[in-house]
N, C-alpha and C. Protein backbone atom coordinates (compact mmCIF):
# COMPACT_ATOMS: atom_id res chain seq x y z
N MET A 1 0.82 -1.20 -0.01
CA MET A 1 0.01 -0.01 0.00
C MET A 1 0.88 1.29 -0.02
N PHE A 2 1.93 1.23 0.82
CA PHE A 2 2.82 2.45 0.91
C PHE A 2 3.52 2.61 -0.39
N GLU A 3 3.96 1.55 -1.05
CA GLU A 3 4.63 1.65 -2.31
C GLU A 3 3.74 2.24 -3.43
N LEU A 4 2.51 1.88 -3.37
CA LEU A 4 1.50 2.39 -4.36
C LEU A 4 1.34 3.85 -4.16
N ARG A 5 1.23 4.30 -2.93
CA ARG A 5 1.09 5.78 -2.67
C ARG A 5 2.34 6.50 -3.08
N THR A 6 3.50 5.96 -2.87
CA THR A 6 4.78 6.59 -3.19
C THR A 6 4.84 6.69 -4.70
N ARG A 7 4.50 5.65 -5.45
CA ARG A 7 4.53 5.68 -6.93
C ARG A 7 3.54 6.74 -7.43
N ARG A 8 2.34 6.83 -6.85
CA ARG A 8 1.39 7.82 -7.30
C ARG A 8 1.88 9.20 -7.10
N ARG A 9 2.53 9.45 -6.00
CA ARG A 9 3.08 10.76 -5.66
C ARG A 9 4.22 11.16 -6.61
N ILE A 10 5.06 10.19 -6.87
CA ILE A 10 6.13 10.41 -7.88
C ILE A 10 5.57 10.67 -9.24
N PHE A 11 4.58 9.88 -9.58
CA PHE A 11 3.92 10.17 -10.95
C PHE A 11 3.29 11.56 -10.97
N ASP A 12 2.58 11.90 -9.92
CA ASP A 12 1.88 13.22 -9.88
C ASP A 12 2.88 14.36 -9.88
N LEU A 13 4.00 14.21 -9.14
CA LEU A 13 5.06 15.22 -9.15
C LEU A 13 5.73 15.34 -10.45
N SER A 14 5.97 14.22 -11.13
CA SER A 14 6.61 14.30 -12.45
C SER A 14 5.67 14.98 -13.47
N CYS A 15 4.36 14.62 -13.39
CA CYS A 15 3.41 15.20 -14.31
C CYS A 15 3.27 16.75 -14.03
N LEU A 16 3.32 17.14 -12.77
CA LEU A 16 3.22 18.53 -12.42
C LEU A 16 4.44 19.31 -12.92
N ALA A 17 5.63 18.77 -12.76
CA ALA A 17 6.87 19.43 -13.21
C ALA A 17 6.83 19.54 -14.77
N LEU A 18 6.42 18.52 -15.44
CA LEU A 18 6.36 18.57 -16.92
C LEU A 18 5.27 19.62 -17.34
N TRP A 19 4.15 19.65 -16.70
CA TRP A 19 3.09 20.56 -17.06
C TRP A 19 3.43 22.01 -16.76
N ILE A 20 4.14 22.29 -15.66
CA ILE A 20 4.63 23.64 -15.41
C ILE A 20 5.62 24.11 -16.46
N THR A 21 6.46 23.19 -16.88
CA THR A 21 7.44 23.49 -17.98
C THR A 21 6.68 23.78 -19.24
N PHE A 22 5.64 22.99 -19.54
CA PHE A 22 4.87 23.21 -20.76
C PHE A 22 4.11 24.51 -20.73
N ILE A 23 3.54 24.95 -19.48
CA ILE A 23 2.90 26.21 -19.39
C ILE A 23 3.86 27.34 -19.59
N LEU A 24 5.09 27.23 -19.10
CA LEU A 24 6.06 28.26 -19.25
C LEU A 24 6.48 28.36 -20.79
N PHE A 25 6.62 27.28 -21.44
CA PHE A 25 6.95 27.34 -22.87
C PHE A 25 5.80 28.04 -23.68
N VAL A 26 4.58 27.68 -23.40
CA VAL A 26 3.45 28.21 -24.05
C VAL A 26 3.39 29.75 -23.79
N GLY A 27 3.68 30.15 -22.56
CA GLY A 27 3.56 31.56 -22.17
C GLY A 27 4.69 32.46 -22.62
N VAL A 28 5.87 31.91 -22.84
CA VAL A 28 6.99 32.83 -23.15
C VAL A 28 7.58 32.65 -24.53
N LEU A 29 7.31 31.57 -25.19
CA LEU A 29 7.90 31.35 -26.50
C LEU A 29 7.14 32.13 -27.59
N PRO A 30 7.73 32.56 -28.65
CA PRO A 30 9.18 32.47 -29.00
C PRO A 30 9.95 33.56 -28.23
N LEU A 31 11.13 33.21 -27.76
CA LEU A 31 11.91 34.13 -26.95
C LEU A 31 12.39 35.40 -27.73
N ARG A 32 12.42 35.26 -29.04
CA ARG A 32 12.89 36.42 -29.87
C ARG A 32 11.95 37.57 -29.74
N ASN A 33 10.76 37.42 -29.25
CA ASN A 33 9.73 38.46 -29.10
C ASN A 33 10.10 39.38 -27.92
N PHE A 34 10.96 38.91 -26.96
CA PHE A 34 11.28 39.69 -25.84
C PHE A 34 12.17 40.83 -26.22
N VAL A 35 11.79 42.10 -25.86
CA VAL A 35 12.52 43.24 -26.38
C VAL A 35 13.05 44.11 -25.23
N GLY A 36 12.66 43.85 -23.98
CA GLY A 36 13.29 44.59 -22.88
C GLY A 36 12.69 45.92 -22.54
N HIS A 37 11.75 46.39 -23.33
CA HIS A 37 11.09 47.62 -22.96
C HIS A 37 9.55 47.33 -22.98
N SER A 38 8.86 47.96 -22.05
CA SER A 38 7.43 47.60 -21.88
C SER A 38 6.49 48.12 -23.04
N HIS A 39 5.39 47.43 -23.07
CA HIS A 39 4.31 47.76 -24.00
C HIS A 39 3.01 47.92 -23.21
N TRP A 40 2.97 48.80 -22.20
CA TRP A 40 1.78 48.91 -21.38
C TRP A 40 0.61 49.38 -22.26
N GLU A 41 0.88 50.07 -23.31
CA GLU A 41 -0.24 50.65 -24.10
C GLU A 41 -0.97 49.57 -24.84
N TYR A 42 -0.47 48.32 -25.00
CA TYR A 42 -1.15 47.25 -25.68
C TYR A 42 -2.07 46.48 -24.79
N ILE A 43 -2.00 46.65 -23.51
CA ILE A 43 -2.76 45.89 -22.59
C ILE A 43 -4.21 46.27 -22.65
N LYS A 44 -5.05 45.24 -22.87
CA LYS A 44 -6.53 45.48 -22.86
C LYS A 44 -7.01 45.08 -21.45
N TRP A 45 -7.16 46.08 -20.57
CA TRP A 45 -7.70 45.80 -19.25
C TRP A 45 -9.11 45.21 -19.33
N PHE A 46 -9.95 45.86 -20.12
CA PHE A 46 -11.32 45.40 -20.32
C PHE A 46 -11.70 45.64 -21.78
N PRO A 47 -12.52 44.78 -22.35
CA PRO A 47 -12.91 44.98 -23.77
C PRO A 47 -13.87 46.21 -23.88
N SER A 48 -13.68 46.94 -24.94
CA SER A 48 -14.58 48.09 -25.14
C SER A 48 -15.89 47.61 -25.80
N ALA A 49 -16.88 48.51 -25.82
CA ALA A 49 -18.13 48.23 -26.44
C ALA A 49 -17.97 47.87 -27.91
N GLU A 50 -17.05 48.56 -28.56
CA GLU A 50 -16.75 48.33 -30.01
C GLU A 50 -16.18 46.89 -30.13
N ASP A 51 -15.31 46.49 -29.24
CA ASP A 51 -14.72 45.18 -29.26
C ASP A 51 -15.84 44.08 -29.17
N LEU A 52 -16.74 44.33 -28.23
CA LEU A 52 -17.82 43.36 -27.93
C LEU A 52 -18.80 43.20 -29.12
N ARG A 53 -18.85 44.16 -30.04
CA ARG A 53 -19.70 44.07 -31.19
C ARG A 53 -19.03 43.30 -32.32
N SER A 54 -17.75 43.10 -32.21
CA SER A 54 -16.95 42.42 -33.30
C SER A 54 -17.00 40.88 -33.06
N SER A 55 -17.58 40.18 -34.02
CA SER A 55 -17.57 38.74 -33.94
C SER A 55 -16.22 38.13 -33.90
N LYS A 56 -15.26 38.70 -34.68
CA LYS A 56 -13.91 38.22 -34.71
C LYS A 56 -13.26 38.38 -33.32
N TYR A 57 -13.49 39.53 -32.62
CA TYR A 57 -12.92 39.73 -31.33
C TYR A 57 -13.56 38.71 -30.27
N LEU A 58 -14.85 38.56 -30.37
CA LEU A 58 -15.48 37.66 -29.46
C LEU A 58 -15.03 36.20 -29.63
N LEU A 59 -14.86 35.79 -30.90
CA LEU A 59 -14.35 34.48 -31.14
C LEU A 59 -12.91 34.32 -30.58
N ASP A 60 -12.11 35.34 -30.77
CA ASP A 60 -10.73 35.35 -30.25
C ASP A 60 -10.80 35.23 -28.71
N ILE A 61 -11.62 36.01 -28.04
CA ILE A 61 -11.69 36.05 -26.57
C ILE A 61 -12.18 34.67 -26.12
N ILE A 62 -13.17 34.13 -26.74
CA ILE A 62 -13.72 32.88 -26.27
C ILE A 62 -12.67 31.70 -26.47
N SER A 63 -11.94 31.71 -27.59
CA SER A 63 -10.90 30.74 -27.76
C SER A 63 -9.72 30.90 -26.73
N ASP A 64 -9.48 32.17 -26.39
CA ASP A 64 -8.46 32.50 -25.40
C ASP A 64 -8.91 31.95 -24.05
N ILE A 65 -10.15 32.15 -23.68
CA ILE A 65 -10.63 31.69 -22.40
C ILE A 65 -10.63 30.19 -22.32
N VAL A 66 -11.10 29.50 -23.35
CA VAL A 66 -11.07 28.07 -23.34
C VAL A 66 -9.66 27.51 -23.30
N GLY A 67 -8.75 28.08 -24.10
CA GLY A 67 -7.40 27.62 -24.18
C GLY A 67 -6.66 27.86 -22.83
N ASN A 68 -6.77 29.04 -22.26
CA ASN A 68 -6.15 29.27 -21.01
C ASN A 68 -6.64 28.40 -19.87
N SER A 69 -7.98 28.21 -19.93
CA SER A 69 -8.59 27.34 -18.89
C SER A 69 -8.09 25.94 -18.96
N ALA A 70 -8.03 25.45 -20.24
CA ALA A 70 -7.51 24.10 -20.43
C ALA A 70 -6.07 23.92 -20.12
N LEU A 71 -5.29 25.00 -20.36
CA LEU A 71 -3.87 25.03 -20.05
C LEU A 71 -3.60 24.87 -18.52
N PHE A 72 -4.41 25.51 -17.72
CA PHE A 72 -4.22 25.53 -16.24
C PHE A 72 -4.96 24.45 -15.56
N PHE A 73 -5.90 23.68 -16.24
CA PHE A 73 -6.65 22.62 -15.59
C PHE A 73 -5.74 21.55 -15.04
N PRO A 74 -4.79 21.02 -15.80
CA PRO A 74 -3.95 19.93 -15.20
C PRO A 74 -3.09 20.40 -13.99
N LEU A 75 -2.77 21.69 -14.05
CA LEU A 75 -1.93 22.24 -12.94
C LEU A 75 -2.76 22.15 -11.62
N GLY A 76 -4.08 22.59 -11.68
CA GLY A 76 -4.89 22.50 -10.53
C GLY A 76 -5.13 21.06 -10.03
N TYR A 77 -5.27 20.18 -11.07
CA TYR A 77 -5.55 18.75 -10.81
C TYR A 77 -4.44 18.14 -10.02
N PHE A 78 -3.18 18.33 -10.56
CA PHE A 78 -2.06 17.63 -9.97
C PHE A 78 -1.55 18.30 -8.68
N LEU A 79 -1.68 19.60 -8.59
CA LEU A 79 -1.34 20.22 -7.34
C LEU A 79 -2.28 19.76 -6.23
N ARG A 80 -3.57 19.67 -6.48
CA ARG A 80 -4.48 19.21 -5.50
C ARG A 80 -4.20 17.80 -5.06
N ARG A 81 -3.81 16.92 -6.03
CA ARG A 81 -3.53 15.52 -5.65
C ARG A 81 -2.26 15.44 -4.79
N LEU A 82 -1.33 16.33 -5.01
CA LEU A 82 -0.14 16.37 -4.14
C LEU A 82 -0.29 16.91 -2.80
N LEU A 83 -1.29 17.73 -2.67
CA LEU A 83 -1.54 18.46 -1.37
C LEU A 83 -2.54 17.83 -0.49
N THR A 84 -2.83 16.51 -0.66
CA THR A 84 -3.87 15.87 0.16
C THR A 84 -3.66 15.87 1.61
N PRO A 85 -2.43 15.86 2.11
CA PRO A 85 -2.23 15.93 3.57
C PRO A 85 -2.76 17.26 4.24
N PHE A 86 -2.98 18.28 3.44
CA PHE A 86 -3.41 19.56 4.03
C PHE A 86 -4.95 19.68 4.03
N THR A 87 -5.42 20.64 4.76
CA THR A 87 -6.85 20.86 4.77
C THR A 87 -7.26 21.48 3.43
N LEU A 88 -8.52 21.39 3.08
CA LEU A 88 -8.93 21.91 1.78
C LEU A 88 -8.69 23.44 1.64
N SER A 89 -8.89 24.19 2.70
CA SER A 89 -8.67 25.68 2.62
C SER A 89 -7.13 25.91 2.40
N ARG A 90 -6.29 25.17 3.04
CA ARG A 90 -4.82 25.31 2.83
C ARG A 90 -4.46 24.86 1.43
N GLN A 91 -5.08 23.82 0.91
CA GLN A 91 -4.83 23.43 -0.45
C GLN A 91 -5.20 24.50 -1.47
N LEU A 92 -6.38 25.08 -1.26
CA LEU A 92 -6.84 26.14 -2.17
C LEU A 92 -5.87 27.39 -2.10
N LEU A 93 -5.40 27.64 -0.88
CA LEU A 93 -4.48 28.78 -0.67
C LEU A 93 -3.15 28.53 -1.48
N ILE A 94 -2.62 27.31 -1.34
CA ILE A 94 -1.35 27.00 -2.00
C ILE A 94 -1.49 26.93 -3.44
N VAL A 95 -2.60 26.28 -3.97
CA VAL A 95 -2.88 26.16 -5.36
C VAL A 95 -3.05 27.56 -5.96
N THR A 96 -3.78 28.45 -5.30
CA THR A 96 -4.00 29.81 -5.78
C THR A 96 -2.64 30.55 -5.83
N GLY A 97 -1.81 30.39 -4.85
CA GLY A 97 -0.51 31.08 -4.82
C GLY A 97 0.33 30.65 -5.97
N ILE A 98 0.45 29.31 -6.16
CA ILE A 98 1.35 28.81 -7.22
C ILE A 98 0.76 29.15 -8.62
N GLY A 99 -0.53 28.92 -8.82
CA GLY A 99 -1.08 29.16 -10.10
C GLY A 99 -1.20 30.62 -10.43
N GLY A 100 -1.51 31.43 -9.42
CA GLY A 100 -1.56 32.89 -9.65
C GLY A 100 -0.22 33.51 -9.91
N THR A 101 0.84 33.05 -9.25
CA THR A 101 2.19 33.55 -9.43
C THR A 101 2.62 33.15 -10.90
N LEU A 102 2.34 31.90 -11.23
CA LEU A 102 2.74 31.46 -12.64
C LEU A 102 1.99 32.28 -13.68
N SER A 103 0.69 32.45 -13.49
CA SER A 103 -0.10 33.20 -14.44
C SER A 103 0.27 34.71 -14.57
N LEU A 104 0.37 35.33 -13.41
CA LEU A 104 0.81 36.75 -13.44
C LEU A 104 2.21 36.94 -13.92
N GLY A 105 3.10 35.98 -13.66
CA GLY A 105 4.49 36.06 -14.09
C GLY A 105 4.57 35.99 -15.62
N ILE A 106 3.77 35.10 -16.24
CA ILE A 106 3.71 35.00 -17.68
C ILE A 106 3.10 36.33 -18.27
N GLU A 107 2.08 36.80 -17.66
CA GLU A 107 1.37 37.96 -18.20
C GLU A 107 2.33 39.18 -18.09
N PHE A 108 3.05 39.29 -17.03
CA PHE A 108 4.05 40.36 -16.90
C PHE A 108 5.19 40.23 -17.90
N TYR A 109 5.65 39.03 -18.13
CA TYR A 109 6.66 38.81 -19.14
C TYR A 109 6.17 39.24 -20.49
N GLN A 110 4.87 39.03 -20.78
CA GLN A 110 4.39 39.41 -22.11
C GLN A 110 4.24 40.98 -22.29
N VAL A 111 4.29 41.66 -21.19
CA VAL A 111 4.35 43.17 -21.31
C VAL A 111 5.57 43.58 -22.04
N TYR A 112 6.67 42.79 -22.01
CA TYR A 112 7.93 43.12 -22.61
C TYR A 112 8.20 42.40 -23.88
N CYS A 113 7.17 41.91 -24.52
CA CYS A 113 7.35 41.18 -25.72
C CYS A 113 6.48 41.84 -26.94
N HIS A 114 7.06 41.74 -28.14
CA HIS A 114 6.32 41.98 -29.33
C HIS A 114 5.44 40.85 -29.59
N ASN A 115 4.29 41.06 -30.26
CA ASN A 115 3.41 40.04 -30.62
C ASN A 115 2.73 39.19 -29.53
N ARG A 116 2.94 39.63 -28.30
CA ARG A 116 2.20 38.95 -27.17
C ARG A 116 1.44 40.06 -26.46
N PHE A 117 0.21 39.79 -26.07
CA PHE A 117 -0.67 40.80 -25.53
C PHE A 117 -1.23 40.36 -24.15
N PRO A 118 -0.68 40.79 -23.12
CA PRO A 118 -1.21 40.36 -21.75
C PRO A 118 -2.61 40.93 -21.56
N SER A 119 -3.36 40.14 -20.80
CA SER A 119 -4.78 40.57 -20.63
C SER A 119 -5.25 40.06 -19.25
N ILE A 120 -6.11 40.83 -18.60
CA ILE A 120 -6.68 40.44 -17.35
C ILE A 120 -7.56 39.23 -17.57
N ILE A 121 -8.16 39.12 -18.72
CA ILE A 121 -9.01 38.02 -19.06
C ILE A 121 -8.20 36.70 -19.05
N ASP A 122 -6.99 36.78 -19.56
CA ASP A 122 -6.09 35.61 -19.50
C ASP A 122 -5.85 35.14 -18.11
N ALA A 123 -5.50 36.07 -17.22
CA ALA A 123 -5.23 35.72 -15.83
C ALA A 123 -6.48 35.16 -15.09
N ILE A 124 -7.62 35.71 -15.42
CA ILE A 124 -8.84 35.22 -14.80
C ILE A 124 -9.17 33.77 -15.35
N SER A 125 -8.99 33.63 -16.65
CA SER A 125 -9.32 32.29 -17.18
C SER A 125 -8.22 31.21 -16.80
N ASN A 126 -7.04 31.65 -16.55
CA ASN A 126 -5.98 30.75 -15.98
C ASN A 126 -6.44 30.20 -14.61
N LEU A 127 -6.87 31.20 -13.82
CA LEU A 127 -7.31 30.76 -12.43
C LEU A 127 -8.58 29.95 -12.49
N THR A 128 -9.46 30.21 -13.41
CA THR A 128 -10.65 29.40 -13.59
C THR A 128 -10.32 28.01 -13.87
N GLY A 129 -9.46 27.84 -14.89
CA GLY A 129 -8.96 26.46 -15.24
C GLY A 129 -8.36 25.75 -14.09
N LEU A 130 -7.54 26.51 -13.30
CA LEU A 130 -6.89 26.01 -12.15
C LEU A 130 -7.96 25.47 -11.11
N PHE A 131 -8.98 26.23 -10.80
CA PHE A 131 -9.99 25.76 -9.83
C PHE A 131 -10.90 24.67 -10.38
N ILE A 132 -11.06 24.65 -11.73
CA ILE A 132 -11.85 23.51 -12.26
C ILE A 132 -11.03 22.23 -12.10
N GLY A 133 -9.71 22.29 -12.29
CA GLY A 133 -8.85 21.18 -12.04
C GLY A 133 -8.90 20.65 -10.64
N VAL A 134 -8.89 21.61 -9.71
CA VAL A 134 -9.03 21.22 -8.29
C VAL A 134 -10.35 20.55 -8.03
N ARG A 135 -11.42 21.19 -8.58
CA ARG A 135 -12.75 20.59 -8.34
C ARG A 135 -12.84 19.19 -8.98
N PHE A 136 -12.28 19.04 -10.16
CA PHE A 136 -12.28 17.73 -10.83
C PHE A 136 -11.61 16.66 -9.90
N SER A 137 -10.49 17.09 -9.37
CA SER A 137 -9.72 16.17 -8.53
C SER A 137 -10.52 15.75 -7.30
N LEU A 138 -11.27 16.76 -6.71
CA LEU A 138 -12.09 16.48 -5.55
C LEU A 138 -13.29 15.53 -5.92
N ASN A 139 -13.88 15.75 -7.02
CA ASN A 139 -15.00 14.91 -7.51
C ASN A 139 -14.51 13.51 -7.80
N ARG A 140 -13.34 13.46 -8.44
CA ARG A 140 -12.83 12.11 -8.80
C ARG A 140 -12.48 11.35 -7.53
N ARG A 141 -11.95 11.99 -6.57
CA ARG A 141 -11.54 11.32 -5.27
C ARG A 141 -12.82 10.80 -4.59
N SER A 142 -13.82 11.57 -4.54
CA SER A 142 -15.08 11.13 -3.85
C SER A 142 -15.79 10.04 -4.61
N ALA A 143 -15.57 9.98 -5.92
CA ALA A 143 -16.25 8.94 -6.76
C ALA A 143 -15.58 7.57 -6.68
N LEU A 144 -14.24 7.56 -6.24
CA LEU A 144 -13.51 6.33 -6.15
C LEU A 144 -14.02 5.56 -4.89
N PRO A 145 -14.04 4.21 -5.02
CA PRO A 145 -14.43 3.45 -3.79
C PRO A 145 -13.36 3.55 -2.75
N GLY A 146 -13.76 3.47 -1.51
CA GLY A 146 -12.81 3.53 -0.41
C GLY A 146 -11.88 2.31 -0.38
N PRO A 147 -10.79 2.43 0.36
CA PRO A 147 -9.85 1.32 0.39
C PRO A 147 -10.46 0.10 1.08
N GLN A 148 -10.19 -1.10 0.59
CA GLN A 148 -10.69 -2.33 1.16
C GLN A 148 -9.71 -2.76 2.16
N ASN A 149 -10.23 -3.13 3.38
CA ASN A 149 -9.43 -3.58 4.49
C ASN A 149 -9.63 -5.04 4.66
N PRO A 150 -8.64 -5.90 4.30
CA PRO A 150 -8.86 -7.35 4.36
C PRO A 150 -8.87 -7.91 5.83
N THR A 151 -8.50 -7.06 6.81
CA THR A 151 -8.42 -7.60 8.13
C THR A 151 -9.75 -7.43 8.90
N LEU A 152 -10.82 -6.93 8.23
CA LEU A 152 -12.13 -6.79 8.86
C LEU A 152 -12.69 -8.14 9.30
N ILE A 153 -13.29 -8.18 10.43
CA ILE A 153 -13.97 -9.40 10.86
C ILE A 153 -15.33 -9.46 10.25
N PRO A 154 -15.70 -10.58 9.68
CA PRO A 154 -17.02 -10.67 9.07
C PRO A 154 -18.03 -10.61 10.16
N THR A 155 -19.19 -10.10 9.84
CA THR A 155 -20.33 -10.02 10.79
C THR A 155 -21.51 -10.74 10.29
N ARG A 156 -22.32 -11.20 11.19
CA ARG A 156 -23.61 -11.84 10.88
C ARG A 156 -24.61 -10.83 10.51
N PRO A 157 -25.76 -11.26 9.98
CA PRO A 157 -26.82 -10.29 9.68
C PRO A 157 -27.30 -9.51 10.93
N ASP A 158 -27.16 -10.11 12.12
CA ASP A 158 -27.65 -9.44 13.34
C ASP A 158 -26.51 -8.57 13.91
N HIS A 159 -25.35 -8.36 13.15
CA HIS A 159 -24.25 -7.54 13.46
C HIS A 159 -23.43 -7.95 14.74
N THR A 160 -23.46 -9.26 14.96
CA THR A 160 -22.53 -9.78 16.02
C THR A 160 -21.36 -10.36 15.29
N PRO A 161 -20.18 -10.29 15.90
CA PRO A 161 -18.97 -10.84 15.23
C PRO A 161 -19.04 -12.32 15.04
N ASP A 162 -18.52 -12.73 13.93
CA ASP A 162 -18.47 -14.17 13.56
C ASP A 162 -17.13 -14.72 14.01
N ARG A 163 -17.09 -15.51 15.12
CA ARG A 163 -15.86 -15.99 15.65
C ARG A 163 -15.90 -17.50 15.79
């Protein structure tokens, strides 16, 4: 039993490390876009009314939201699985800290890049995907059957021990 738990933790930790690496690559590549001076004027804090009337802009935003949520989903899933010894509130605090730092770090990096446009919507959808991953992990855990204990003493229908 102990070996199975250790293997699962090693697997989860490996998947987490690979996924964080993948997120970083998606968020910062290509590196030639980094120019070293900021582009604060390109940041869309909120979409304008004109933007919301454009079907092209709406399709772009929806695909951004779905893509960013899907990108951060596994991060929330594997972080939550690794943090099972902690209470749920502490798990959420740690997951939010790690995911939020990663998301905001990538968005801040994009301020200094050509052809990359940081957005508050990206950061919100990243955190949304993170929390969906945590929720999926919680639901999956509750759906699994509990561990079977072979040392249980069988009982009779009247609930007296069978000896």
